[in-house]
Amino acid sequence: MNAVAAPGSMRLGKSALYIAGSALLFLTQGLGMNLASANLAQVQGSLSATSVEAAWLAAAYMAPNVSLSAALVKIRAQYGLRRFAEIGIVGFVIASLMNVFVSDLHSAVVVRFISGIAAAPMSTLGFLYMLEAFPPARKLTVALALALTCTTLAAPITRLISPELIEIGQWHGLYTLEMALALIALPIIYLLPLTPVPHAKVIQRADILSYLLLAVGFGCVAVVLVMGRLYWWFEAPWLGMLLALSVVTLTAVVLIELNREQPLIDIRWLASREIVHFAAVLLIFRLVASEQSAIATNFYQLLGLQYDQLATLYWIILASSLGGGLLCAALMKPGHADAVHVLALGMLAAGAYMDSHATSLTRPEQMYVSQALVAAGTALFLPPAMARGFTAALAKGPSYILSFIVVFLFTQSIGGLMGSAAFGTFVTLREKFHANILAEQIVLSNPLVAQRIGQLSGAYAKAIVDRALLNGEGVALLGQTITREANILAYNDAFLLAAIIALFALAVLLIQIAVKQLARHDPDIVPAATS
């Protein structure tokens, strides 16, 4: 009996090692991506950069990262998993070590660009190690759910550990941790090999041209989405030039791929109704999921809250993400995808709506429940959607896997940037609207306004004797208050918009479920219902 139990326990222990290795790889890659973007305000001084200039760090990282995973699929198929894993982790270690030599903004941008290239294999390796830990029957259910859950953990962990790292040494303190994690991951790749797959010569010369054009197009879109809101969309001509270049290069990719017998990306399949629907679902999800990263985080900064004041909230977000991922893994069974999506969208809509009632007195304690709902809903939604798309790609054949990965990466990387850009722009526009409305109501002849100005200027009464100057200070402070309240109202509008989008997606999903149920009883209604 012991002899029978021993192999089972050995397999269980080996699976646990692969799961731990996958989590470490995801955490290493996620921290590398988030440490700079989450702490731009803190590190820009050490880099001698303004807030707008510091945003180029995020743009430099995302420009190559959004498209590189598409090329890695064929590279992995031609040269093998082991060589791919070894070269990928060594490249990431070298990129992490380069952070030691960062001394100013220019060197930091160059290193972030290289890091964006080096980090692309890390997320792929994280997925592969998680899939390796499970038998084939659970790879697209439990393994996929756990892998995607791991991708959500780096953001809250980044904000939990950032204060201590910044105190150690600003930029170098942040990336000393990434370097340490990369060095820990290095031996894991060599000690825990992945199951080898047959090699095949799949890379063609035309693939190189197609990928380079794809990389330029996606890279230009990524830069525009990151920087457009900061330079403002219609004010900087170079933003339009980048968009025009992206249109030209991506159009060239489409024309080339449509006329190839063995295309890098199957454009016709991507344009099918099923895949367009799948991409739209993922884009809407990324837009709603941006509520936590693009709206709530900036709202905390507006209120002047620091990471140490938000620690409990981020612990709750981390626990909710884990809980949502584990619940999704338990529910990942055939026929449960629609129910999981209904639950996820309901949680996202409820959390965003609860946040839309914030005031200047709102503190993290009032957002514990809402942000927990958003975190859990985010972790619940993605795995069933990806499993469904991956199954559709597998049904078509192995050559369609790359096309599916391009769709998934586009919706997640570019979709996430689109969410941040859209909500950031929406907040800016709504702030101007609310500021004008509030300013119209500020009339100095109003006794309440005059009393408020007197109260605000009272703090300077001992230092400023001149009455006119004292009133001027009061008016300036009242203007700052108006701007703050206008911003809070704008963020409330953004929260409400996220809730409306989630409710709209939920309504569409419920209609589709109802149509499916009716189709089971009356097949004749399917063409009319799906036309």
Protein backbone atom coordinates (compact mmCIF):
# COMPACT_ATOMS: atom_id res chain seq x y z
CA MET A 1 0.00 0.00 0.00
CA ASN A 2 2.87 2.35 0.74
CA ALA A 3 4.35 1.51 -2.65
CA VAL A 4 1.08 2.52 -4.28
CA ALA A 5 0.79 5.72 -2.29
CA ALA A 6 4.36 6.81 -2.89
CA PRO A 7 4.04 7.48 -6.65
CA GLY A 8 0.82 9.42 -6.07
CA SER A 9 2.41 11.60 -3.40
CA MET A 10 5.44 12.14 -5.65
CA ARG A 11 3.19 13.30 -8.51
CA LEU A 12 1.31 15.58 -6.11
CA GLY A 13 4.57 17.06 -4.83
CA LYS A 14 5.87 17.59 -8.36
CA SER A 15 2.62 19.28 -9.37
CA ALA A 16 2.89 21.59 -6.35
CA LEU A 17 6.42 22.55 -7.43
CA TYR A 18 5.22 23.40 -10.93
CA ILE A 19 2.33 25.47 -9.53
CA ALA A 20 4.74 27.34 -7.24
CA GLY A 21 7.13 27.87 -10.15
CA SER A 22 4.31 29.21 -12.30
CA ALA A 23 3.19 31.61 -9.55
CA LEU A 24 6.77 32.85 -9.14
CA LEU A 25 7.16 33.44 -12.89
CA PHE A 26 3.86 35.34 -13.05
CA LEU A 27 4.79 37.39 -9.99
CA THR A 28 8.24 38.19 -11.36
CA GLN A 29 6.81 39.34 -14.68
CA GLY A 30 3.89 41.20 -13.09
CA LEU A 31 6.03 43.09 -10.59
CA GLY A 32 8.44 44.07 -13.36
CA MET A 33 5.53 45.55 -15.29
CA ASN A 34 3.78 47.26 -12.36
CA LEU A 35 6.56 48.54 -10.11
CA ALA A 36 7.41 51.49 -12.35
CA SER A 37 3.89 52.35 -13.56
CA ALA A 38 2.44 52.22 -10.04
CA ASN A 39 5.15 54.46 -8.59
CA LEU A 40 5.74 57.08 -11.29
CA ALA A 41 4.98 59.92 -8.89
CA GLN A 42 7.48 58.56 -6.35
CA VAL A 43 10.41 57.84 -8.71
CA GLN A 44 10.17 60.77 -11.10
CA GLY A 45 12.24 62.93 -8.74
CA SER A 46 15.12 60.47 -8.69
CA LEU A 47 14.99 60.36 -12.51
CA SER A 48 14.80 64.17 -12.86
CA ALA A 49 11.57 63.89 -14.84
CA THR A 50 8.16 65.53 -14.88
CA SER A 51 5.01 63.46 -14.47
CA VAL A 52 4.39 63.48 -18.24
CA GLU A 53 7.98 62.51 -19.02
CA ALA A 54 7.84 59.69 -16.46
CA ALA A 55 4.82 58.24 -18.28
CA TRP A 56 7.17 57.35 -21.15
CA LEU A 57 8.44 54.53 -18.91
CA ALA A 58 5.09 52.76 -19.25
CA ALA A 59 4.89 53.52 -22.98
CA ALA A 60 8.41 52.18 -23.57
CA TYR A 61 7.57 48.94 -21.77
CA MET A 62 4.26 48.30 -23.52
CA ALA A 63 5.36 49.22 -27.07
CA PRO A 64 7.27 45.95 -27.74
CA ASN A 65 5.46 43.84 -25.17
CA VAL A 66 1.97 43.95 -26.71
CA SER A 67 2.99 42.07 -29.86
CA LEU A 68 6.03 39.95 -29.00
CA SER A 69 4.11 36.98 -27.62
CA ALA A 70 2.64 36.42 -31.09
CA ALA A 71 6.12 35.77 -32.48
CA LEU A 72 7.09 33.59 -29.54
CA VAL A 73 4.50 30.94 -30.42
CA LYS A 74 6.28 29.99 -33.63
CA ILE A 75 9.72 30.44 -32.08
CA ARG A 76 8.74 28.00 -29.35
CA ALA A 77 7.36 25.51 -31.87
CA GLN A 78 10.49 25.57 -34.03
CA TYR A 79 13.23 25.60 -31.40
CA GLY A 80 11.58 23.69 -28.57
CA LEU A 81 10.23 24.50 -25.15
CA ARG A 82 13.43 23.93 -23.21
CA ARG A 83 15.59 26.22 -25.31
CA PHE A 84 12.80 28.78 -25.37
CA ALA A 85 12.51 28.67 -21.56
CA GLU A 86 16.25 28.87 -20.94
CA ILE A 87 16.83 31.77 -23.33
CA GLY A 88 13.72 33.56 -22.07
CA ILE A 89 14.70 33.46 -18.40
CA VAL A 90 18.33 34.42 -19.11
CA GLY A 91 17.12 37.41 -21.15
CA PHE A 92 14.86 38.50 -18.31
CA VAL A 93 17.67 38.20 -15.75
CA ILE A 94 19.94 40.35 -17.94
CA ALA A 95 17.20 42.96 -18.39
CA SER A 96 16.63 43.02 -14.61
CA LEU A 97 20.34 43.50 -13.94
CA MET A 98 20.36 46.49 -16.30
CA ASN A 99 18.14 48.41 -13.85
CA VAL A 100 21.20 48.80 -11.63
CA PHE A 101 22.73 51.13 -14.24
CA VAL A 102 19.69 53.42 -14.55
CA SER A 103 20.69 56.98 -13.61
CA ASP A 104 18.26 59.26 -15.46
CA LEU A 105 15.08 59.22 -17.52
CA HIS A 106 16.75 58.38 -20.83
CA SER A 107 18.53 55.31 -19.48
CA ALA A 108 15.36 54.27 -17.65
CA VAL A 109 13.31 54.45 -20.90
CA VAL A 110 15.87 52.31 -22.73
CA VAL A 111 15.90 49.73 -19.95
CA ARG A 112 12.10 49.66 -19.80
CA PHE A 113 11.96 49.03 -23.55
CA ILE A 114 14.37 46.11 -23.19
CA SER A 115 12.42 44.86 -20.16
CA GLY A 116 9.22 44.88 -22.22
CA ILE A 117 10.90 42.59 -24.73
CA ALA A 118 12.40 40.31 -22.08
CA ALA A 119 9.16 40.01 -20.10
CA ALA A 120 7.08 38.62 -22.98
CA PRO A 121 8.36 35.01 -22.58
CA MET A 122 7.79 35.13 -18.81
CA SER A 123 4.00 35.22 -18.97
CA THR A 124 4.08 32.42 -21.56
CA LEU A 125 6.32 30.35 -19.28
CA GLY A 126 3.96 31.01 -16.37
CA PHE A 127 1.07 29.55 -18.37
CA LEU A 128 3.12 26.56 -19.52
CA TYR A 129 4.28 25.69 -16.00
CA MET A 130 0.74 25.89 -14.65
CA LEU A 131 -0.55 23.66 -17.44
CA GLU A 132 2.31 21.22 -16.78
CA ALA A 133 1.06 20.65 -13.22
CA PHE A 134 -2.31 19.23 -14.26
CA PRO A 135 -3.53 16.24 -16.29
CA PRO A 136 -4.97 16.93 -19.78
CA ALA A 137 -8.57 16.84 -18.54
CA ARG A 138 -7.94 19.81 -16.23
CA LYS A 139 -5.61 21.93 -18.33
CA LEU A 140 -8.39 24.08 -19.80
CA THR A 141 -10.35 24.24 -16.56
CA VAL A 142 -8.51 24.31 -13.23
CA ALA A 143 -5.06 25.04 -14.68
CA LEU A 144 -6.31 27.88 -16.88
CA ALA A 145 -8.29 29.43 -14.03
CA LEU A 146 -5.30 29.34 -11.66
CA ALA A 147 -2.94 30.73 -14.31
CA LEU A 148 -5.20 33.68 -15.09
CA THR A 149 -5.72 34.27 -11.37
CA CYS A 150 -1.97 34.57 -10.95
CA THR A 151 -1.95 37.35 -13.56
CA THR A 152 -4.21 39.47 -11.31
CA LEU A 153 -2.12 39.19 -8.14
CA ALA A 154 0.88 41.32 -9.09
CA ALA A 155 -1.03 44.64 -9.09
CA PRO A 156 -2.19 44.58 -5.41
CA ILE A 157 1.10 43.02 -4.27
CA THR A 158 2.99 45.85 -6.00
CA ARG A 159 1.11 48.46 -4.01
CA LEU A 160 1.58 46.56 -0.77
CA ILE A 161 5.38 46.31 -1.02
CA SER A 162 6.16 49.56 -2.84
CA PRO A 163 6.49 51.88 0.21
CA GLU A 164 9.28 49.81 1.78
CA LEU A 165 11.08 49.38 -1.53
CA ILE A 166 10.98 53.10 -2.29
CA GLU A 167 12.40 53.88 1.14
CA ILE A 168 15.31 51.54 0.41
CA GLY A 169 16.39 53.34 -2.73
CA GLN A 170 13.73 54.79 -5.03
CA TRP A 171 14.10 53.23 -8.53
CA HIS A 172 16.95 50.91 -7.58
CA GLY A 173 15.07 49.75 -4.50
CA LEU A 174 12.06 48.82 -6.62
CA TYR A 175 13.99 46.81 -9.17
CA THR A 176 16.37 45.13 -6.78
CA LEU A 177 13.38 42.95 -5.86
CA GLU A 178 12.66 42.15 -9.51
CA MET A 179 16.31 41.21 -10.00
CA ALA A 180 16.20 38.93 -6.95
CA LEU A 181 13.02 37.21 -8.17
CA ALA A 182 14.53 36.75 -11.63
CA LEU A 183 17.60 35.10 -10.11
CA ILE A 184 15.36 32.80 -8.06
CA ALA A 185 13.38 31.88 -11.18
CA LEU A 186 16.55 31.09 -13.15
CA PRO A 187 17.32 27.73 -11.48
CA ILE A 188 13.62 26.78 -11.52
CA ILE A 189 13.68 26.72 -15.32
CA TYR A 190 16.64 24.35 -15.30
CA LEU A 191 15.49 22.13 -12.40
CA LEU A 192 11.84 21.82 -13.51
CA PRO A 193 11.87 21.10 -17.25
CA LEU A 194 8.71 21.27 -19.31
CA THR A 195 7.47 18.27 -21.25
CA PRO A 196 9.15 18.48 -24.68
CA VAL A 197 7.03 18.80 -27.79
CA PRO A 198 8.00 17.83 -31.36
CA HIS A 199 9.99 20.45 -33.23
CA ALA A 200 8.83 21.63 -36.62
CA LYS A 201 10.15 24.13 -39.11
CA VAL A 202 7.27 26.58 -38.99
CA ILE A 203 8.97 29.97 -39.37
CA GLN A 204 8.93 31.34 -42.92
CA ARG A 205 10.61 34.44 -44.30
CA ALA A 206 7.29 36.17 -44.82
CA ASP A 207 6.52 35.64 -41.12
CA ILE A 208 9.38 37.98 -40.22
CA LEU A 209 7.99 40.79 -42.36
CA SER A 210 4.45 40.25 -41.09
CA TYR A 211 5.55 40.27 -37.48
CA LEU A 212 7.71 43.40 -37.86
CA LEU A 213 4.77 45.25 -39.38
CA LEU A 214 2.47 43.91 -36.64
CA ALA A 215 4.94 45.00 -33.95
CA VAL A 216 5.20 48.52 -35.37
CA GLY A 217 1.43 48.83 -35.65
CA PHE A 218 0.65 47.55 -32.16
CA GLY A 219 3.58 49.48 -30.69
CA CYS A 220 2.36 52.78 -32.16
CA VAL A 221 -1.15 52.14 -30.84
CA ALA A 222 0.25 51.35 -27.39
CA VAL A 223 2.29 54.58 -27.26
CA VAL A 224 -0.71 56.66 -28.37
CA LEU A 225 -3.00 55.09 -25.79
CA VAL A 226 -0.51 55.64 -22.95
CA MET A 227 0.54 59.20 -23.88
CA GLY A 228 -2.51 60.55 -25.70
CA ARG A 229 -4.39 61.66 -22.60
CA LEU A 230 -1.29 63.40 -21.19
CA TYR A 231 -0.32 65.34 -24.32
CA TRP A 232 -4.05 65.53 -25.20
CA TRP A 233 -5.35 63.82 -28.28
CA PHE A 234 -5.68 66.75 -30.68
CA GLU A 235 -2.85 68.91 -29.40
CA ALA A 236 0.25 66.87 -30.34
CA PRO A 237 0.63 66.23 -34.12
CA TRP A 238 2.96 63.28 -33.55
CA LEU A 239 0.08 61.33 -31.98
CA GLY A 240 -1.78 61.50 -35.29
CA MET A 241 1.36 60.49 -37.18
CA LEU A 242 1.77 57.40 -34.99
CA LEU A 243 -1.87 56.44 -35.51
CA ALA A 244 -1.50 56.90 -39.27
CA LEU A 245 1.62 54.72 -39.23
CA SER A 246 -0.22 52.04 -37.27
CA VAL A 247 -3.08 52.05 -39.79
CA VAL A 248 -0.62 51.68 -42.68
CA THR A 249 1.40 48.87 -41.09
CA LEU A 250 -1.61 46.90 -39.83
CA THR A 251 -3.32 47.25 -43.20
CA ALA A 252 -0.14 45.92 -44.82
CA VAL A 253 -0.24 42.93 -42.42
CA VAL A 254 -3.83 42.18 -43.45
CA LEU A 255 -3.02 42.39 -47.17
CA ILE A 256 0.05 40.18 -46.84
CA GLU A 257 -1.64 37.56 -44.69
CA LEU A 258 -4.73 37.35 -46.91
CA ASN A 259 -2.53 36.36 -49.86
CA ARG A 260 -0.44 33.68 -48.13
CA GLU A 261 -1.11 29.95 -48.25
CA GLN A 262 0.24 29.48 -44.72
CA PRO A 263 -0.37 32.82 -42.99
CA LEU A 264 1.13 33.86 -39.70
CA ILE A 265 -2.34 35.06 -38.67
CA ASP A 266 -5.54 33.78 -40.26
CA ILE A 267 -7.31 37.06 -40.99
CA ARG A 268 -10.41 35.39 -42.45
CA TRP A 269 -10.93 33.36 -39.29
CA LEU A 270 -10.37 36.45 -37.14
CA ALA A 271 -13.06 38.26 -39.14
CA SER A 272 -15.60 35.48 -38.55
CA ARG A 273 -18.66 36.32 -36.45
CA GLU A 274 -17.63 33.94 -33.66
CA ILE A 275 -14.18 35.47 -33.18
CA VAL A 276 -15.40 39.05 -33.56
CA HIS A 277 -17.97 38.32 -30.85
CA PHE A 278 -15.27 36.76 -28.67
CA ALA A 279 -12.98 39.80 -29.12
CA ALA A 280 -15.83 42.20 -28.35
CA VAL A 281 -16.64 40.32 -25.14
CA LEU A 282 -13.02 40.48 -23.98
CA LEU A 283 -12.70 44.18 -24.88
CA ILE A 284 -15.83 45.06 -22.91
CA PHE A 285 -14.54 43.04 -19.99
CA ARG A 286 -11.15 44.80 -20.04
CA LEU A 287 -12.94 48.14 -20.18
CA VAL A 288 -15.04 47.33 -17.12
CA ALA A 289 -12.12 45.71 -15.28
CA SER A 290 -10.18 48.97 -15.70
CA GLU A 291 -12.45 50.39 -12.99
CA GLN A 292 -10.02 49.15 -10.36
CA SER A 293 -6.72 50.10 -12.01
CA ALA A 294 -7.66 53.21 -13.99
CA ILE A 295 -10.38 54.85 -11.87
CA ALA A 296 -10.17 53.71 -8.25
CA THR A 297 -6.38 54.01 -7.99
CA ASN A 298 -6.38 57.55 -9.42
CA PHE A 299 -9.28 58.44 -7.15
CA TYR A 300 -7.18 57.48 -4.12
CA GLN A 301 -4.36 59.69 -5.38
CA LEU A 302 -6.82 62.58 -5.76
CA LEU A 303 -7.78 62.22 -2.09
CA GLY A 304 -4.09 62.25 -1.15
CA LEU A 305 -4.10 58.71 0.22
CA GLN A 306 -0.74 56.94 0.40
CA TYR A 307 -0.08 53.24 -0.07
CA ASP A 308 0.36 52.63 3.66
CA GLN A 309 -3.14 54.05 4.24
CA LEU A 310 -4.50 51.71 1.54
CA ALA A 311 -2.72 48.57 2.74
CA THR A 312 -5.82 46.91 4.19
CA LEU A 313 -7.78 47.64 1.01
CA TYR A 314 -5.11 46.03 -1.16
CA TRP A 315 -4.99 43.00 1.11
CA ILE A 316 -8.75 42.66 0.61
CA ILE A 317 -8.35 43.02 -3.17
CA LEU A 318 -5.61 40.37 -3.13
CA ALA A 319 -7.73 37.96 -1.08
CA SER A 320 -10.79 38.59 -3.27
CA SER A 321 -8.78 37.92 -6.44
CA LEU A 322 -7.56 34.63 -5.00
CA GLY A 323 -11.03 33.70 -3.82
CA GLY A 324 -12.58 34.54 -7.18
CA GLY A 325 -9.94 32.51 -9.01
CA LEU A 326 -10.41 29.47 -6.78
CA LEU A 327 -14.20 29.72 -7.14
CA CYS A 328 -13.80 29.92 -10.91
CA ALA A 329 -11.54 26.84 -10.88
CA ALA A 330 -14.28 24.97 -9.00
CA LEU A 331 -16.98 26.14 -11.44
CA MET A 332 -14.99 25.55 -14.64
CA LYS A 333 -17.11 22.72 -15.98
CA PRO A 334 -18.88 22.29 -19.32
CA GLY A 335 -22.06 24.34 -19.48
CA HIS A 336 -21.16 26.60 -16.55
CA ALA A 337 -19.48 29.41 -18.51
CA ASP A 338 -22.62 31.52 -18.94
CA ALA A 339 -23.53 31.24 -15.26
CA VAL A 340 -20.01 32.25 -14.23
CA HIS A 341 -20.12 35.25 -16.58
CA VAL A 342 -23.51 36.34 -15.21
CA LEU A 343 -22.11 36.20 -11.68
CA ALA A 344 -18.91 38.03 -12.67
CA LEU A 345 -20.69 40.85 -14.53
CA GLY A 346 -23.17 41.22 -11.69
CA MET A 347 -20.32 41.62 -9.20
CA LEU A 348 -18.49 44.11 -11.45
CA ALA A 349 -21.64 46.19 -11.95
CA ALA A 350 -22.52 46.17 -8.24
CA GLY A 351 -18.99 47.14 -7.15
CA ALA A 352 -18.70 49.98 -9.67
CA TYR A 353 -22.14 51.34 -8.77
CA MET A 354 -21.30 51.33 -5.05
CA ASP A 355 -18.14 53.33 -5.78
CA SER A 356 -20.10 55.95 -7.75
CA HIS A 357 -21.35 57.53 -4.50
CA ALA A 358 -17.92 58.65 -3.26
CA THR A 359 -17.33 62.04 -1.63
CA SER A 360 -14.31 63.96 -0.38
CA LEU A 361 -14.83 62.20 2.97
CA THR A 362 -14.73 58.72 1.43
CA ARG A 363 -11.92 56.59 2.79
CA PRO A 364 -10.73 53.04 2.00
CA GLU A 365 -13.05 51.58 4.65
CA GLN A 366 -16.07 52.63 2.58
CA MET A 367 -14.72 50.83 -0.50
CA TYR A 368 -13.76 47.47 0.99
CA VAL A 369 -16.89 45.66 -0.19
CA SER A 370 -17.11 47.32 -3.61
CA GLN A 371 -13.47 46.74 -4.52
CA ALA A 372 -13.67 43.15 -3.27
CA LEU A 373 -16.60 42.60 -5.64
CA VAL A 374 -14.70 44.09 -8.56
CA ALA A 375 -11.58 42.01 -7.83
CA ALA A 376 -13.53 38.77 -7.51
CA GLY A 377 -15.60 39.52 -10.61
CA THR A 378 -12.44 40.19 -12.62
CA ALA A 379 -10.92 36.88 -11.54
CA LEU A 380 -14.16 35.02 -12.37
CA PHE A 381 -14.80 36.37 -15.85
CA LEU A 382 -11.67 35.71 -17.89
CA PRO A 383 -10.96 31.94 -17.56
CA PRO A 384 -14.29 30.68 -19.02
CA ALA A 385 -14.03 33.17 -21.89
CA MET A 386 -10.46 32.17 -22.70
CA ALA A 387 -11.25 28.44 -22.41
CA ARG A 388 -14.13 28.83 -24.86
CA GLY A 389 -11.96 30.71 -27.37
CA PHE A 390 -9.07 28.29 -26.97
CA THR A 391 -11.39 25.33 -27.56
CA ALA A 392 -12.72 26.95 -30.74
CA ALA A 393 -9.15 27.48 -31.97
CA LEU A 394 -8.16 23.88 -31.19
CA ALA A 395 -11.21 22.62 -33.08
CA LYS A 396 -9.94 24.40 -36.18
CA GLY A 397 -6.44 22.98 -35.83
CA PRO A 398 -3.06 23.79 -34.22
CA SER A 399 -2.32 26.49 -36.81
CA TYR A 400 -5.18 28.58 -35.41
CA ILE A 401 -3.67 28.76 -31.94
CA LEU A 402 -1.44 31.69 -32.92
CA SER A 403 -4.40 33.61 -34.37
CA PHE A 404 -6.32 33.06 -31.14
CA ILE A 405 -3.34 34.22 -29.04
CA VAL A 406 -3.11 37.41 -31.11
CA VAL A 407 -6.80 38.10 -30.39
CA PHE A 408 -6.40 37.39 -26.69
CA LEU A 409 -3.24 39.49 -26.31
CA PHE A 410 -4.74 42.35 -28.29
CA THR A 411 -7.84 42.47 -26.13
CA GLN A 412 -5.91 42.18 -22.88
CA SER A 413 -2.89 44.41 -23.56
CA ILE A 414 -4.32 46.97 -25.95
CA GLY A 415 -7.75 46.62 -24.33
CA GLY A 416 -6.31 47.43 -20.92
CA LEU A 417 -4.59 50.52 -22.34
CA MET A 418 -7.81 51.52 -24.10
CA GLY A 419 -9.68 51.26 -20.80
CA SER A 420 -7.18 53.49 -18.99
CA ALA A 421 -7.13 56.01 -21.85
CA ALA A 422 -10.92 56.08 -22.22
CA PHE A 423 -11.69 56.48 -18.53
CA GLY A 424 -8.85 58.96 -18.03
CA THR A 425 -10.16 61.11 -20.89
CA PHE A 426 -13.73 60.78 -19.62
CA VAL A 427 -12.69 61.96 -16.14
CA THR A 428 -10.87 64.97 -17.60
CA LEU A 429 -13.87 66.02 -19.69
CA ARG A 430 -16.36 65.52 -16.87
CA GLU A 431 -14.13 67.45 -14.44
CA LYS A 432 -14.26 70.48 -16.75
CA PHE A 433 -18.04 70.14 -16.99
CA HIS A 434 -18.57 69.92 -13.23
CA ALA A 435 -16.04 72.69 -12.54
CA ASN A 436 -17.99 75.06 -14.82
CA ILE A 437 -21.30 74.16 -13.16
CA LEU A 438 -19.87 74.67 -9.66
CA ALA A 439 -18.09 77.90 -10.60
CA GLU A 440 -21.34 79.40 -11.89
CA GLN A 441 -22.80 79.05 -8.41
CA ILE A 442 -19.92 80.89 -6.71
CA VAL A 443 -21.06 84.49 -6.39
CA LEU A 444 -19.21 86.75 -3.95
CA SER A 445 -22.46 88.54 -3.10
CA ASN A 446 -23.80 85.26 -1.71
CA PRO A 447 -23.46 85.38 2.11
CA LEU A 448 -22.61 81.68 2.28
CA VAL A 449 -19.80 82.10 -0.28
CA ALA A 450 -18.43 85.12 1.55
CA GLN A 451 -18.53 83.21 4.85
CA ARG A 452 -16.68 80.27 3.29
CA ILE A 453 -13.99 82.54 1.86
CA GLY A 454 -13.59 84.13 5.29
CA GLN A 455 -13.18 80.72 6.92
CA LEU A 456 -10.59 79.58 4.36
CA SER A 457 -8.57 82.79 4.58
CA GLY A 458 -8.65 82.78 8.39
CA ALA A 459 -5.63 80.46 8.49
CA TYR A 460 -3.51 83.23 6.93
CA ALA A 461 -4.91 86.11 9.03
CA LYS A 462 -1.86 86.25 11.30
CA ALA A 463 0.58 86.28 8.38
CA ILE A 464 -1.23 88.58 5.92
CA VAL A 465 -2.35 92.01 7.12
CA ASP A 466 -3.62 93.39 3.81
CA ARG A 467 -7.34 92.64 3.60
CA ALA A 468 -7.41 92.41 -0.20
CA LEU A 469 -4.56 89.89 -0.27
CA LEU A 470 -6.23 87.91 2.49
CA ASN A 471 -9.48 87.71 0.51
CA GLY A 472 -7.46 86.70 -2.55
CA GLU A 473 -6.01 83.76 -0.65
CA GLY A 474 -9.49 82.74 0.42
CA VAL A 475 -10.76 82.88 -3.15
CA ALA A 476 -7.77 80.79 -4.33
CA LEU A 477 -8.42 78.17 -1.65
CA LEU A 478 -12.10 78.07 -2.59
CA GLY A 479 -11.05 77.52 -6.22
CA GLN A 480 -8.93 74.55 -5.14
CA THR A 481 -11.90 73.13 -3.26
CA ILE A 482 -14.10 73.52 -6.34
CA THR A 483 -11.51 71.72 -8.48
CA ARG A 484 -11.28 68.87 -5.97
CA GLU A 485 -15.06 68.46 -5.77
CA ALA A 486 -15.35 68.61 -9.57
CA ASN A 487 -12.78 65.84 -9.84
CA ILE A 488 -14.66 63.72 -7.30
CA LEU A 489 -17.90 64.16 -9.26
CA ALA A 490 -16.04 63.23 -12.45
CA TYR A 491 -14.73 60.02 -10.87
CA ASN A 492 -18.24 59.21 -9.67
CA ASP A 493 -19.41 59.57 -13.28
CA ALA A 494 -16.61 57.22 -14.38
CA PHE A 495 -17.58 54.64 -11.77
CA LEU A 496 -21.20 54.92 -12.90
CA LEU A 497 -20.18 54.55 -16.55
CA ALA A 498 -18.30 51.33 -15.71
CA ALA A 499 -21.39 50.03 -13.92
CA ILE A 500 -23.61 50.88 -16.91
CA ILE A 501 -21.26 49.10 -19.33
CA ALA A 502 -21.24 46.02 -17.08
CA LEU A 503 -25.05 46.07 -16.84
CA PHE A 504 -25.35 46.44 -20.61
CA ALA A 505 -23.04 43.44 -21.11
CA LEU A 506 -25.03 41.49 -18.53
CA ALA A 507 -28.31 42.30 -20.29
CA VAL A 508 -26.92 41.14 -23.65
CA LEU A 509 -25.64 37.94 -22.05
CA LEU A 510 -29.02 37.21 -20.43
CA ILE A 511 -30.75 37.72 -23.77
CA GLN A 512 -28.34 35.26 -25.41
CA ILE A 513 -28.97 32.72 -22.66
CA ALA A 514 -32.72 33.14 -23.11
CA VAL A 515 -32.38 32.65 -26.88
CA LYS A 516 -30.39 29.44 -26.30
CA GLN A 517 -33.04 28.13 -23.94
CA LEU A 518 -35.82 28.89 -26.43
CA ALA A 519 -33.80 27.29 -29.23
CA ARG A 520 -33.73 24.02 -27.34
CA HIS A 521 -37.52 23.91 -27.40
CA ASP A 522 -38.04 25.42 -30.85
CA PRO A 523 -35.02 25.10 -33.20
CA ASP A 524 -36.79 27.15 -35.87
CA ILE A 525 -36.20 30.39 -33.95
CA VAL A 526 -32.40 30.11 -34.05
CA PRO A 527 -31.87 31.82 -37.42
CA ALA A 528 -34.16 34.69 -36.52
CA ALA A 529 -32.71 35.09 -33.04
CA THR A 530 -29.09 35.06 -34.13
CA SER A 531 -29.41 37.07 -37.34
